[in-house]
Every structure is written in C-alpha cells, then in structure tokens.
Amino acid sequence: MIFSSPRFFLFLATLLLLMALLGSDRREFKKRLLGVASCLFYAAWDWRYLGLLLTISVVDYVAAAKISVASDRRIRRAWLLLSIVSNLSILGYFKYCNFFINNLNGVGHLFGWHITPLHILLPAGISFYTFKTMSYTIDVYRGGLKTCRSWLDYTTFITFFPELIAGPIVRGSVFLPQMDREIGPTQERMKIGLSIFLIGLTKKVLIADRLAGIADPIFNDPGIYSALSIWFGVFAYSIQIYCDFSGYSDMAIGTAKMIGYDLPENFRMPYISANITEFWRRWHITLSSWLRDYLYVPLGGNRLGTQRTYINLMLTMLLGGLWHGASWNFVLWGGLHGSALAVHKWVLSYRKSCRIPVIHPIIGVGATFLFVSLAWVPFRARSFGDTLLMFKTMMGLSNGNGATWIPEALFWCLPPVLIGHLVGVMIEKDVVKIVNIFRYCLNLCGLNINNDTISGYYVVWNRATTLGIYLLSLWIFVLFFFASTNTSPFIYFQF
C-alpha cells in the first residue's frame, strides 16, 4: 500500500478508529492489534514473504535472548554470528544471487558455460528490516540494549508498518523503550501526526511525482536528448528523490505519531550542506548512522591511521552503495561518495600545512549540490552504458544532437523547495529576527514549531484560526488539484 493512496487512508483510518474504540485500559490488546495490522499491511504486498519476516524476527529474538544470558564470550559470539549470518544470507540470496550469477556468466561465456538466473522476487523492505534486526542483536551483544522480554512486542517492533518498507531504519534502543506507552489516537497526537503527514504528502504528490515526469523519460532514453535536457533531467531527479524519500519519511513519522510512537528524523535539509561530510549527516540519517556505527567504526574508523581511515571510508560507502541495489551502478555511486569523503577528510587534515584556502559556504553548498547531483546519474541510470552516455553528453564529449526539452514543471517545483530550505536554515542557525517573524506568521495561522529529541523539528497545527482554516483549505485544494495524476511508487520501495 502506497502512503498516498486511498487504500492506505482507509487502512489507517480503520486502525486508528479501532484503537480509539478500545479505550485507554487495553494497552496490551492494542499492541497486538497493531502487530496484526502491520502483518496485514505487509501481506497486502505479497503474503508469501510474511513468513520470511516473522522467521527473521524469531531468529534474532532467540539469538539476543541467548546472548543476554550467556557468560561465555565464545557462546555470545556464536549467537551473534548466527544472527548476522542468517540475516546477511537471506539478504544475499534474495538481493544479490542473480547479480553474482550474471557477473559469473560474463566470464563464463569465454569458456562456453552458462548459469541460468533464478526467478527471485525481491521481498519489499528486506534491506531495511534486516538492518533493523541486526542492529538489535548487535546492541544486545555490546551491552547497550536490554533484551525485549516479549516476542510479541519484538515482532510488533520489527513489523511496525509505517517504517517497514522504506525506513527510517529504527533501532531497538529508540523504539523498544516506547513499547510501555499507552498508544492510540488522541487529539494532540492527531494534530501532530496529520501536520507532519500533510507535509510529506505534499512533497510526494505535488513535487516528486511531477518531477518524475521529467526525470523518467530522460533517464530511460538519454540518447535522444541534448546535453541541456539531460542536465535538466539530472537536477529534476535530484529534487525528486529528495522530496520522494523525505516525503515518505515524513508520512511514516506522522503516521507513527498518530498511533503514539516517535520515529527518528531521517532528513535535515541535505541540499544546504557545504561539504560532502555534512551532506551525509543530513541525508538518510538513519542509514548513514547505521553504516557508521556497525560498519565504519568496527572496521577501525579513524583510529588506525590516515590511510586506513580513507580505506574504511571507501569500503563503507562501497557497501552502502551495494546495499541500495545489486548493480555496478550503485557500486560506482558508493565509490564516488567514498572518494569525496576521503578527499574532504584529507583537505581538513592538510588545510593548514598546505595552506588550502577556506571555501566560502555558498560556494561549498553549490559545489556539494553539483557533485551530489552528478552522482545521482549512476544511481538512477538503467545501465552502466547509460551512465557513461549521460556523462559524455553532459560534458560535451558526444555529438549531443538530441532533442532539447525545457521542462516548465521543474521551475515551479523549485521555489517551494528553496523556500523550505531557506526557512529551515534560519531556524537551524537561530537567526532571531527571521525566526520571530516566521513564528509570528505561523501563530496567525494557528501553527507552531515543535521539536523533540527523536523526530527533530516539525510544524504542528496548534489551534484553529480563520486565516489558518482558509490557508489549510487552500493548501488541500492546491494539493489535490495540481497533484500529478500518475502516482508512482516511492523510489526507495525497490531497495
């Protein structure tokens, strides 16, 4: 079920209504209802893989329980290894088996042999929930998290439908302590959740889906377009993937808040980043922090010398790229970001001794956005050949005699994204005058800026005002009147 579909609205409304009817003294029953609803949500995609999801939850629940009671370090490691190997084996089979078969066939044709690829359907959200379950057992092994006493509670955590398919990647240390809450819709939760959900829905249907109509034709057949058109397509995709994925995260966070749980912030205005390191602190925060804590740091991080630091950065980003998909294009994307991170760390290390000048923040933001946009080419292109063709055309190294297309939708999608980022910068930097003016305007509309330690900043409907009701009505009218009629699946559903 796509969050922007009527089917999901009906599903969510039914769940919230049932939880409201149960009252405030049926906490355990409501958690079981939420678990069943989450399983039904996943089964709506393909019920056959629900068993796989539940099997993974059993394996990791048992492994963590055994780790917590074992005193022998070898036994603890054995159970941890069982958890990691089982998760990575399942992920490897479904996601990478045919990738390796196809690469072996590339070599095998020289010797006259061929392996028939398997008919494998990738389970929805498998990359996200395997990382989530692995982090649980690893945290229990490290001693930073107590085991969950109830398998039903743990299963509800694993199957929690708002973030099940495309994140944020929620760790047990964030979610499990919330399992003792009284859940269910309240007036305050509905105001907060709907406010966040509406922002995400706007990003998705009004901006991302519109820009998909620009980016998709250009990336699907780049050979028929001129260099200028391809540049437009690349910038359109840069904004599309941000609004699509951050929109999904907003809707997931908003849905969870309506139910009564807090999900972690996943995006923090990444396109205002002045360098690539800052970008990865703002983009897909739950993935970048996962890769840092469970891959980069165990590899040695920056503790083993300069050269090893660069190697660790590159390995982390290469594997991060491969996590996104079984394609050399994703490996190239990860390699580009790994190289950029290593170069930036080198610049920081040798700035004084080499007298490297400090780049003005505005130039840094522009350069970072340009690099990230160019790196999206292999991420989105259908093949390695298309990646090379697009780069050659963009750089003027091919004939570039294709059609020139000036997509008007790109230019009217840009202002709301730019304004949103600028306002966010003012709030983040605490520019008092601008922030006070912004808060005053919000107050006239009955809105307010909230902030919590898990979900970050968000705007919430606080009270009804005449101006606020008018603007909200206008917003909803514009949203559904100008929204794209071709609602596409969220980009990160494929991962």
Protein backbone atom coordinates (compact mmCIF):
# COMPACT_ATOMS: atom_id res chain seq x y z
CA MET A 1 0.00 0.00 0.00
CA ILE A 2 1.36 3.38 -1.02
CA PHE A 3 1.01 6.05 1.66
CA SER A 4 -0.50 8.47 -0.86
CA SER A 5 -3.25 6.05 -1.97
CA PRO A 6 -6.91 5.97 -0.86
CA ARG A 7 -6.40 2.33 0.11
CA PHE A 8 -3.85 3.32 2.72
CA PHE A 9 -6.02 6.16 4.02
CA LEU A 10 -8.83 3.65 4.60
CA PHE A 11 -6.46 1.17 6.27
CA LEU A 12 -5.03 3.81 8.61
CA ALA A 13 -8.42 5.32 9.46
CA THR A 14 -9.80 1.86 10.30
CA LEU A 15 -6.85 1.05 12.55
CA LEU A 16 -6.99 4.37 14.39
CA LEU A 17 -10.76 4.04 14.86
CA LEU A 18 -10.43 0.54 16.33
CA MET A 19 -7.66 1.69 18.68
CA ALA A 20 -9.77 4.66 19.78
CA LEU A 21 -12.78 2.42 20.48
CA LEU A 22 -10.67 0.13 22.69
CA GLY A 23 -10.15 2.92 25.22
CA SER A 24 -7.17 3.65 27.44
CA ASP A 25 -7.19 0.45 29.53
CA ARG A 26 -6.43 -2.06 26.74
CA ARG A 27 -2.77 -1.31 26.09
CA GLU A 28 -1.64 -4.89 25.50
CA PHE A 29 -4.58 -5.65 23.21
CA LYS A 30 -3.91 -2.52 21.18
CA LYS A 31 -0.27 -3.56 20.73
CA ARG A 32 -1.43 -6.95 19.46
CA LEU A 33 -3.90 -5.22 17.15
CA LEU A 34 -1.07 -3.03 15.83
CA GLY A 35 1.07 -6.12 15.24
CA VAL A 36 -1.71 -7.86 13.30
CA ALA A 37 -2.39 -4.70 11.27
CA SER A 38 1.32 -4.41 10.43
CA CYS A 39 1.37 -8.02 9.24
CA LEU A 40 -1.72 -7.39 7.10
CA PHE A 41 -0.06 -4.28 5.67
CA TYR A 42 2.97 -6.33 4.63
CA ALA A 43 0.87 -9.25 3.40
CA ALA A 44 -1.06 -6.86 1.12
CA TRP A 45 2.13 -6.67 -0.97
CA ASP A 46 2.80 -10.44 -1.02
CA TRP A 47 1.57 -12.68 1.81
CA ARG A 48 4.15 -15.38 0.98
CA TYR A 49 7.02 -13.27 2.34
CA LEU A 50 5.29 -12.53 5.64
CA GLY A 51 6.64 -15.86 6.90
CA LEU A 52 10.17 -14.77 6.00
CA LEU A 53 9.78 -11.56 8.00
CA LEU A 54 8.42 -13.44 11.04
CA THR A 55 11.17 -16.09 10.76
CA ILE A 56 13.85 -13.40 10.88
CA SER A 57 12.20 -11.91 13.96
CA VAL A 58 12.21 -15.32 15.72
CA VAL A 59 15.89 -15.96 14.91
CA ASP A 60 17.07 -12.57 16.16
CA TYR A 61 14.81 -12.61 19.22
CA VAL A 62 16.17 -16.00 20.29
CA ALA A 63 19.77 -15.05 19.45
CA ALA A 64 19.56 -11.86 21.51
CA ALA A 65 17.97 -13.72 24.43
CA LYS A 66 20.76 -16.31 24.40
CA ILE A 67 23.41 -13.58 24.19
CA SER A 68 21.98 -11.79 27.21
CA VAL A 69 22.14 -14.85 29.50
CA ALA A 70 25.41 -16.39 28.25
CA SER A 71 28.52 -15.71 30.30
CA ASP A 72 30.97 -17.41 27.95
CA ARG A 73 32.23 -14.93 25.36
CA ARG A 74 32.54 -17.64 22.71
CA ILE A 75 28.89 -18.60 23.12
CA ARG A 76 27.84 -14.98 22.92
CA ARG A 77 29.83 -14.54 19.73
CA ALA A 78 28.37 -17.73 18.27
CA TRP A 79 24.80 -16.49 18.75
CA LEU A 80 25.73 -13.07 17.36
CA LEU A 81 27.33 -14.75 14.35
CA LEU A 82 24.18 -16.83 13.84
CA SER A 83 22.08 -13.67 13.76
CA ILE A 84 24.38 -11.80 11.37
CA VAL A 85 24.96 -14.75 9.04
CA SER A 86 21.27 -15.66 8.85
CA ASN A 87 20.27 -12.07 8.07
CA LEU A 88 23.01 -11.49 5.51
CA SER A 89 22.40 -14.91 3.91
CA ILE A 90 18.72 -14.15 3.40
CA LEU A 91 19.51 -10.67 2.12
CA GLY A 92 22.26 -12.03 -0.12
CA TYR A 93 20.07 -14.74 -1.64
CA PHE A 94 17.13 -12.52 -2.49
CA LYS A 95 19.03 -9.39 -3.48
CA TYR A 96 22.41 -10.44 -4.83
CA CYS A 97 22.17 -14.04 -6.03
CA ASN A 98 21.31 -13.17 -9.64
CA PHE A 99 23.78 -10.28 -9.56
CA PHE A 100 26.64 -12.71 -8.95
CA ILE A 101 25.23 -15.23 -11.42
CA ASN A 102 25.09 -12.61 -14.15
CA ASN A 103 28.64 -11.49 -13.42
CA LEU A 104 29.85 -15.11 -13.49
CA ASN A 105 28.09 -15.56 -16.81
CA GLY A 106 30.00 -12.56 -18.12
CA VAL A 107 33.19 -14.53 -17.54
CA GLY A 108 31.70 -17.91 -18.30
CA HIS A 109 30.78 -17.10 -21.90
CA LEU A 110 34.52 -17.11 -22.65
CA PHE A 111 34.61 -20.78 -21.66
CA GLY A 112 31.27 -21.79 -23.08
CA TRP A 113 29.30 -22.28 -19.87
CA HIS A 114 26.22 -20.52 -18.56
CA ILE A 115 24.30 -20.48 -15.27
CA THR A 116 20.58 -19.90 -15.57
CA PRO A 117 19.48 -16.97 -13.34
CA LEU A 118 16.91 -17.77 -10.68
CA HIS A 119 13.38 -16.43 -10.66
CA ILE A 120 13.51 -14.43 -7.43
CA LEU A 121 11.08 -11.73 -6.35
CA LEU A 122 12.74 -9.25 -4.02
CA PRO A 123 10.78 -9.03 -0.72
CA ALA A 124 9.60 -5.49 -0.02
CA GLY A 125 11.71 -3.66 2.53
CA ILE A 126 14.17 -6.52 3.07
CA SER A 127 17.20 -4.18 3.13
CA PHE A 128 15.57 -2.07 5.83
CA TYR A 129 14.26 -4.73 8.17
CA THR A 130 17.42 -6.87 8.03
CA PHE A 131 19.47 -3.86 9.12
CA LYS A 132 16.93 -3.15 11.85
CA THR A 133 17.02 -6.69 13.26
CA MET A 134 20.81 -6.96 13.04
CA SER A 135 21.26 -3.72 14.98
CA TYR A 136 19.12 -5.19 17.78
CA THR A 137 21.28 -8.28 18.32
CA ILE A 138 24.50 -6.29 17.93
CA ASP A 139 23.36 -3.72 20.51
CA VAL A 140 22.40 -6.51 22.94
CA TYR A 141 25.82 -8.12 22.39
CA ARG A 142 27.58 -4.81 23.03
CA GLY A 143 25.62 -4.33 26.24
CA GLY A 144 23.93 -1.13 25.10
CA LEU A 145 20.42 -2.57 25.00
CA LYS A 146 18.40 -4.90 27.21
CA THR A 147 16.59 -7.74 25.53
CA CYS A 148 12.89 -7.40 24.83
CA ARG A 149 11.01 -9.72 27.19
CA SER A 150 8.04 -10.32 24.90
CA TRP A 151 8.38 -11.86 21.45
CA LEU A 152 5.06 -10.27 20.51
CA ASP A 153 6.42 -6.84 21.45
CA TYR A 154 9.58 -7.54 19.48
CA THR A 155 7.56 -8.68 16.46
CA THR A 156 5.48 -5.50 16.64
CA PHE A 157 8.75 -3.55 16.58
CA ILE A 158 10.05 -5.48 13.57
CA THR A 159 6.80 -5.34 11.59
CA PHE A 160 5.76 -1.78 12.55
CA PHE A 161 4.17 -0.79 9.25
CA PRO A 162 4.92 2.97 8.94
CA GLU A 163 8.65 2.36 8.53
CA LEU A 164 8.66 -1.29 7.47
CA ILE A 165 9.09 -0.85 3.71
CA ALA A 166 11.44 2.15 3.35
CA GLY A 167 12.56 3.30 6.78
CA PRO A 168 13.62 5.27 8.69
CA ILE A 169 15.82 2.42 9.97
CA VAL A 170 14.65 2.37 13.59
CA ARG A 171 16.91 0.81 16.20
CA GLY A 172 15.63 -1.17 19.14
CA SER A 173 17.21 1.34 21.51
CA VAL A 174 14.88 4.01 20.09
CA PHE A 175 11.65 2.05 19.66
CA LEU A 176 11.52 -0.68 22.32
CA PRO A 177 11.55 1.71 25.33
CA GLN A 178 8.38 3.23 23.85
CA MET A 179 6.53 -0.11 23.98
CA ASP A 180 5.33 0.62 27.51
CA ARG A 181 3.40 3.67 26.32
CA GLU A 182 -0.36 3.92 26.18
CA ILE A 183 -0.95 4.05 22.45
CA GLY A 184 -3.89 5.09 20.34
CA PRO A 185 -5.07 8.33 18.72
CA THR A 186 -5.58 11.40 20.85
CA GLN A 187 -6.39 14.95 19.82
CA GLU A 188 -2.78 16.06 20.36
CA ARG A 189 -1.30 13.08 18.54
CA MET A 190 -3.65 13.52 15.59
CA LYS A 191 -2.77 17.22 15.26
CA ILE A 192 0.95 16.49 15.25
CA GLY A 193 0.75 13.39 13.08
CA LEU A 194 -1.54 14.87 10.44
CA SER A 195 0.56 18.04 10.24
CA ILE A 196 3.73 16.04 9.51
CA PHE A 197 1.89 13.64 7.20
CA LEU A 198 0.48 16.52 5.13
CA ILE A 199 3.97 17.95 4.60
CA GLY A 200 5.21 14.57 3.38
CA LEU A 201 2.18 14.05 1.16
CA THR A 202 2.78 17.46 -0.42
CA LYS A 203 6.41 16.62 -1.15
CA LYS A 204 5.37 13.35 -2.76
CA VAL A 205 2.34 14.13 -4.93
CA LEU A 206 2.90 17.81 -5.69
CA ILE A 207 6.66 17.80 -6.31
CA ALA A 208 8.24 14.33 -6.56
CA ASP A 209 5.59 12.78 -8.80
CA ARG A 210 5.57 15.86 -11.03
CA LEU A 211 9.34 15.76 -11.42
CA ALA A 212 9.21 12.04 -12.15
CA GLY A 213 7.52 13.02 -15.41
CA ILE A 214 10.69 14.94 -16.30
CA ALA A 215 13.41 12.65 -14.98
CA ASP A 216 11.98 9.29 -16.11
CA PRO A 217 11.86 9.92 -19.89
CA ILE A 218 15.37 11.40 -19.89
CA PHE A 219 16.96 8.62 -17.82
CA ASN A 220 15.03 5.91 -19.70
CA ASP A 221 16.34 7.02 -23.10
CA PRO A 222 19.19 9.53 -22.68
CA GLY A 223 20.45 9.05 -26.24
CA ILE A 224 17.63 11.09 -27.77
CA TYR A 225 18.15 14.21 -25.62
CA SER A 226 20.59 17.10 -25.83
CA ALA A 227 23.11 17.97 -23.12
CA LEU A 228 20.90 20.77 -21.77
CA SER A 229 17.91 18.43 -21.47
CA ILE A 230 19.97 15.83 -19.62
CA TRP A 231 21.22 18.47 -17.17
CA PHE A 232 17.58 19.43 -16.54
CA GLY A 233 16.73 15.76 -16.03
CA VAL A 234 19.55 15.27 -13.53
CA PHE A 235 18.56 18.30 -11.47
CA ALA A 236 14.91 17.22 -11.64
CA TYR A 237 15.88 13.81 -10.28
CA SER A 238 17.97 15.38 -7.50
CA ILE A 239 14.90 17.20 -6.24
CA GLN A 240 12.57 14.29 -6.99
CA ILE A 241 14.48 11.73 -4.93
CA TYR A 242 14.78 14.15 -2.02
CA CYS A 243 11.07 15.05 -1.99
CA ASP A 244 10.07 11.43 -2.63
CA PHE A 245 12.18 9.86 0.12
CA SER A 246 11.93 12.64 2.69
CA GLY A 247 8.20 12.78 1.91
CA TYR A 248 7.92 9.07 2.71
CA SER A 249 9.87 9.59 5.93
CA ASP A 250 7.59 12.47 6.93
CA MET A 251 4.50 10.36 6.29
CA ALA A 252 5.99 7.45 8.25
CA ILE A 253 6.87 9.73 11.18
CA GLY A 254 3.43 11.38 11.05
CA THR A 255 1.61 8.02 10.93
CA ALA A 256 3.64 6.72 13.87
CA LYS A 257 2.85 9.82 15.91
CA MET A 258 -0.88 9.35 15.29
CA ILE A 259 -0.52 5.85 16.73
CA GLY A 260 1.62 7.03 19.64
CA TYR A 261 5.24 6.27 18.74
CA ASP A 262 8.16 8.52 17.78
CA LEU A 263 10.36 7.65 14.80
CA PRO A 264 13.79 9.21 14.28
CA GLU A 265 14.46 12.12 11.97
CA ASN A 266 15.75 10.92 8.60
CA PHE A 267 16.44 14.13 6.65
CA ARG A 268 17.70 17.54 7.74
CA MET A 269 17.75 19.76 4.64
CA PRO A 270 20.64 17.89 2.95
CA TYR A 271 20.95 20.26 -0.01
CA ILE A 272 22.20 23.11 2.19
CA SER A 273 25.32 21.06 3.02
CA ALA A 274 28.57 22.94 2.45
CA ASN A 275 30.60 19.72 2.05
CA ILE A 276 30.03 16.03 1.45
CA THR A 277 30.60 15.06 5.08
CA GLU A 278 27.84 17.41 6.16
CA PHE A 279 25.61 16.00 3.41
CA TRP A 280 25.82 12.53 4.93
CA ARG A 281 24.93 13.94 8.33
CA ARG A 282 21.74 15.30 6.79
CA TRP A 283 20.77 12.73 4.13
CA HIS A 284 19.16 9.40 5.08
CA ILE A 285 20.40 9.96 8.62
CA THR A 286 19.33 6.56 9.95
CA LEU A 287 21.26 4.72 7.22
CA SER A 288 24.40 6.86 7.45
CA SER A 289 24.47 6.50 11.26
CA TRP A 290 23.90 2.73 10.89
CA LEU A 291 26.80 2.40 8.46
CA ARG A 292 28.96 4.49 10.79
CA ASP A 293 28.17 2.55 13.97
CA TYR A 294 28.01 -1.00 12.61
CA LEU A 295 30.48 -0.91 9.73
CA TYR A 296 32.84 2.07 9.69
CA VAL A 297 33.66 2.02 13.42
CA PRO A 298 34.14 -1.80 13.60
CA LEU A 299 36.47 -1.56 10.59
CA GLY A 300 38.62 0.78 12.66
CA GLY A 301 37.10 4.14 11.81
CA ASN A 302 39.78 6.81 12.02
CA ARG A 303 41.69 5.08 14.83
CA LEU A 304 44.19 3.15 12.70
CA GLY A 305 45.95 5.91 10.83
CA THR A 306 45.26 8.17 7.88
CA GLN A 307 45.50 5.65 5.06
CA ARG A 308 43.32 3.11 6.88
CA THR A 309 40.75 5.85 7.51
CA TYR A 310 40.47 6.50 3.77
CA ILE A 311 40.16 2.77 3.09
CA ASN A 312 37.46 2.41 5.75
CA LEU A 313 35.51 5.32 4.29
CA MET A 314 35.71 3.83 0.82
CA LEU A 315 34.70 0.33 1.97
CA THR A 316 31.79 1.70 3.96
CA MET A 317 30.41 3.71 1.05
CA LEU A 318 31.00 0.92 -1.49
CA LEU A 319 28.99 -1.46 0.70
CA GLY A 320 26.46 1.31 1.30
CA GLY A 321 26.08 1.64 -2.46
CA LEU A 322 25.70 -2.12 -2.87
CA TRP A 323 23.08 -2.09 -0.08
CA HIS A 324 20.91 0.05 -2.34
CA GLY A 325 20.88 -2.48 -5.14
CA ALA A 326 22.65 -5.32 -6.94
CA SER A 327 24.23 -3.25 -9.70
CA TRP A 328 27.65 -1.90 -10.56
CA ASN A 329 25.98 1.47 -10.95
CA PHE A 330 25.25 1.51 -7.22
CA VAL A 331 28.83 0.46 -6.51
CA LEU A 332 30.03 3.38 -8.65
CA TRP A 333 27.68 5.73 -6.76
CA GLY A 334 29.08 4.49 -3.45
CA GLY A 335 32.63 4.81 -4.76
CA LEU A 336 32.06 8.40 -5.83
CA HIS A 337 30.79 9.33 -2.37
CA GLY A 338 33.53 7.35 -0.65
CA SER A 339 36.17 9.16 -2.71
CA ALA A 340 34.58 12.54 -1.95
CA LEU A 341 34.51 11.79 1.79
CA ALA A 342 38.16 10.75 1.72
CA VAL A 343 39.17 13.88 -0.22
CA HIS A 344 37.28 16.11 2.19
CA LYS A 345 38.93 14.45 5.18
CA TRP A 346 42.32 14.90 3.51
CA VAL A 347 41.59 18.59 2.89
CA LEU A 348 40.66 19.08 6.54
CA SER A 349 43.83 17.29 7.68
CA TYR A 350 46.22 19.22 5.45
CA ARG A 351 44.50 22.58 5.18
CA LYS A 352 46.96 24.37 7.45
CA SER A 353 50.16 22.73 6.30
CA CYS A 354 49.27 23.06 2.60
CA ARG A 355 47.66 26.46 3.07
CA ILE A 356 44.46 25.33 1.37
CA PRO A 357 42.05 28.30 1.45
CA VAL A 358 38.71 28.01 3.19
CA ILE A 359 35.87 27.81 0.67
CA HIS A 360 33.02 30.27 1.14
CA PRO A 361 29.91 28.41 2.42
CA ILE A 362 27.77 29.48 -0.54
CA ILE A 363 30.35 28.10 -2.98
CA GLY A 364 30.58 24.97 -0.85
CA VAL A 365 26.81 24.47 -0.97
CA GLY A 366 26.75 24.89 -4.75
CA ALA A 367 29.71 22.57 -5.30
CA THR A 368 28.29 19.91 -2.98
CA PHE A 369 24.88 20.02 -4.66
CA LEU A 370 26.53 19.77 -8.09
CA PHE A 371 28.60 16.76 -7.03
CA VAL A 372 25.64 15.01 -5.40
CA SER A 373 23.51 15.65 -8.48
CA LEU A 374 26.16 14.20 -10.81
CA ALA A 375 26.50 11.19 -8.51
CA TRP A 376 22.75 10.57 -8.87
CA VAL A 377 23.36 9.71 -12.55
CA PRO A 378 24.70 6.17 -11.91
CA PHE A 379 22.22 5.80 -9.05
CA ARG A 380 19.24 6.33 -11.40
CA ALA A 381 20.55 5.24 -14.80
CA ARG A 382 19.31 1.90 -16.09
CA SER A 383 22.75 0.59 -17.03
CA PHE A 384 26.44 1.37 -16.85
CA GLY A 385 26.33 2.23 -20.54
CA ASP A 386 23.60 4.82 -19.97
CA THR A 387 25.68 6.31 -17.15
CA LEU A 388 28.67 6.79 -19.45
CA LEU A 389 26.47 8.15 -22.24
CA MET A 390 24.86 10.73 -19.96
CA PHE A 391 28.19 11.87 -18.53
CA LYS A 392 29.69 12.19 -22.01
CA THR A 393 26.70 14.15 -23.31
CA MET A 394 26.60 16.45 -20.28
CA MET A 395 30.31 17.19 -20.60
CA GLY A 396 30.09 17.87 -24.34
CA LEU A 397 32.10 14.75 -25.26
CA SER A 398 29.45 13.30 -27.55
CA ASN A 399 27.57 14.77 -30.52
CA GLY A 400 24.71 15.94 -28.24
CA ASN A 401 22.36 16.39 -31.21
CA GLY A 402 19.31 15.10 -29.38
CA ALA A 403 16.09 16.96 -28.70
CA THR A 404 16.13 19.94 -26.35
CA TRP A 405 13.34 19.90 -23.79
CA ILE A 406 12.75 22.79 -21.39
CA PRO A 407 10.56 21.28 -18.64
CA GLU A 408 8.45 24.05 -17.12
CA ALA A 409 7.39 21.92 -14.14
CA LEU A 410 10.99 21.91 -12.87
CA PHE A 411 10.97 25.67 -12.47
CA TRP A 412 7.75 25.90 -10.48
CA CYS A 413 8.78 22.95 -8.28
CA LEU A 414 12.00 24.72 -7.31
CA PRO A 415 10.56 27.69 -5.31
CA PRO A 416 8.83 25.68 -2.53
CA VAL A 417 11.93 23.51 -2.07
CA LEU A 418 14.24 26.53 -1.93
CA ILE A 419 11.94 28.46 0.41
CA GLY A 420 11.59 25.46 2.69
CA HIS A 421 15.37 25.05 2.89
CA LEU A 422 15.94 28.78 3.50
CA VAL A 423 13.39 28.88 6.32
CA GLY A 424 14.92 25.74 7.76
CA VAL A 425 18.38 27.30 7.68
CA MET A 426 17.12 30.38 9.53
CA ILE A 427 15.55 28.19 12.23
CA GLU A 428 18.60 25.96 12.47
CA LYS A 429 21.00 28.91 12.71
CA ASP A 430 18.59 30.63 15.12
CA VAL A 431 18.50 33.89 13.16
CA VAL A 432 16.37 35.62 15.79
CA LYS A 433 14.65 38.28 13.68
CA ILE A 434 13.73 35.93 10.84
CA VAL A 435 12.66 33.18 13.22
CA ASN A 436 10.47 35.58 15.20
CA ILE A 437 8.79 36.82 12.02
CA PHE A 438 8.25 33.24 10.87
CA ARG A 439 6.84 32.21 14.24
CA TYR A 440 4.53 35.25 14.22
CA CYS A 441 3.20 34.31 10.78
CA LEU A 442 2.70 30.72 11.90
CA ASN A 443 0.91 31.89 15.03
CA LEU A 444 -1.56 33.90 12.92
CA CYS A 445 -2.40 30.64 11.17
CA GLY A 446 -2.69 28.70 14.42
CA LEU A 447 0.59 26.85 13.79
CA ASN A 448 3.65 26.35 15.93
CA ILE A 449 7.16 24.89 15.63
CA ASN A 450 7.77 21.86 17.85
CA ASN A 451 10.98 19.97 18.45
CA ASP A 452 11.64 16.64 20.13
CA THR A 453 14.84 14.71 20.66
CA ILE A 454 13.84 11.85 18.34
CA SER A 455 11.94 13.33 15.40
CA GLY A 456 13.55 16.80 15.26
CA TYR A 457 11.73 19.97 14.20
CA TYR A 458 8.23 19.94 12.78
CA VAL A 459 5.36 22.37 12.27
CA VAL A 460 2.13 21.41 14.03
CA TRP A 461 -1.46 22.67 13.84
CA ASN A 462 -1.92 24.13 17.32
CA ARG A 463 -5.27 25.94 17.24
CA ALA A 464 -7.96 26.91 14.78
CA THR A 465 -7.90 30.44 13.36
CA THR A 466 -9.87 31.94 10.48
CA LEU A 467 -6.71 32.59 8.46
CA GLY A 468 -5.34 29.16 9.26
CA ILE A 469 -8.51 27.34 8.21
CA TYR A 470 -8.59 29.32 4.97
CA LEU A 471 -4.94 28.60 4.15
CA LEU A 472 -5.29 24.93 5.08
CA SER A 473 -8.33 24.61 2.83
CA LEU A 474 -6.43 26.34 0.03
CA TRP A 475 -3.42 24.07 0.61
CA ILE A 476 -5.51 20.90 0.36
CA PHE A 477 -7.28 22.26 -2.75
CA VAL A 478 -3.96 23.04 -4.46
CA LEU A 479 -2.53 19.69 -3.34
CA PHE A 480 -5.23 17.58 -4.93
CA PHE A 481 -5.98 19.87 -7.87
CA PHE A 482 -2.37 20.23 -9.04
CA ALA A 483 -1.02 16.90 -7.86
CA SER A 484 0.26 14.54 -10.52
CA THR A 485 -2.38 12.13 -11.78
CA ASN A 486 0.29 9.44 -12.13
CA THR A 487 1.13 8.50 -8.56
CA SER A 488 4.32 6.45 -8.69
CA PRO A 489 5.66 4.05 -6.04
CA PHE A 490 8.17 5.55 -3.67
CA ILE A 491 11.70 5.31 -5.09
CA TYR A 492 13.12 3.51 -2.07
CA PHE A 493 10.50 0.74 -2.27
CA GLN A 494 12.85 -1.00 -4.73
CA PHE A 495 15.53 -1.33 -2.05
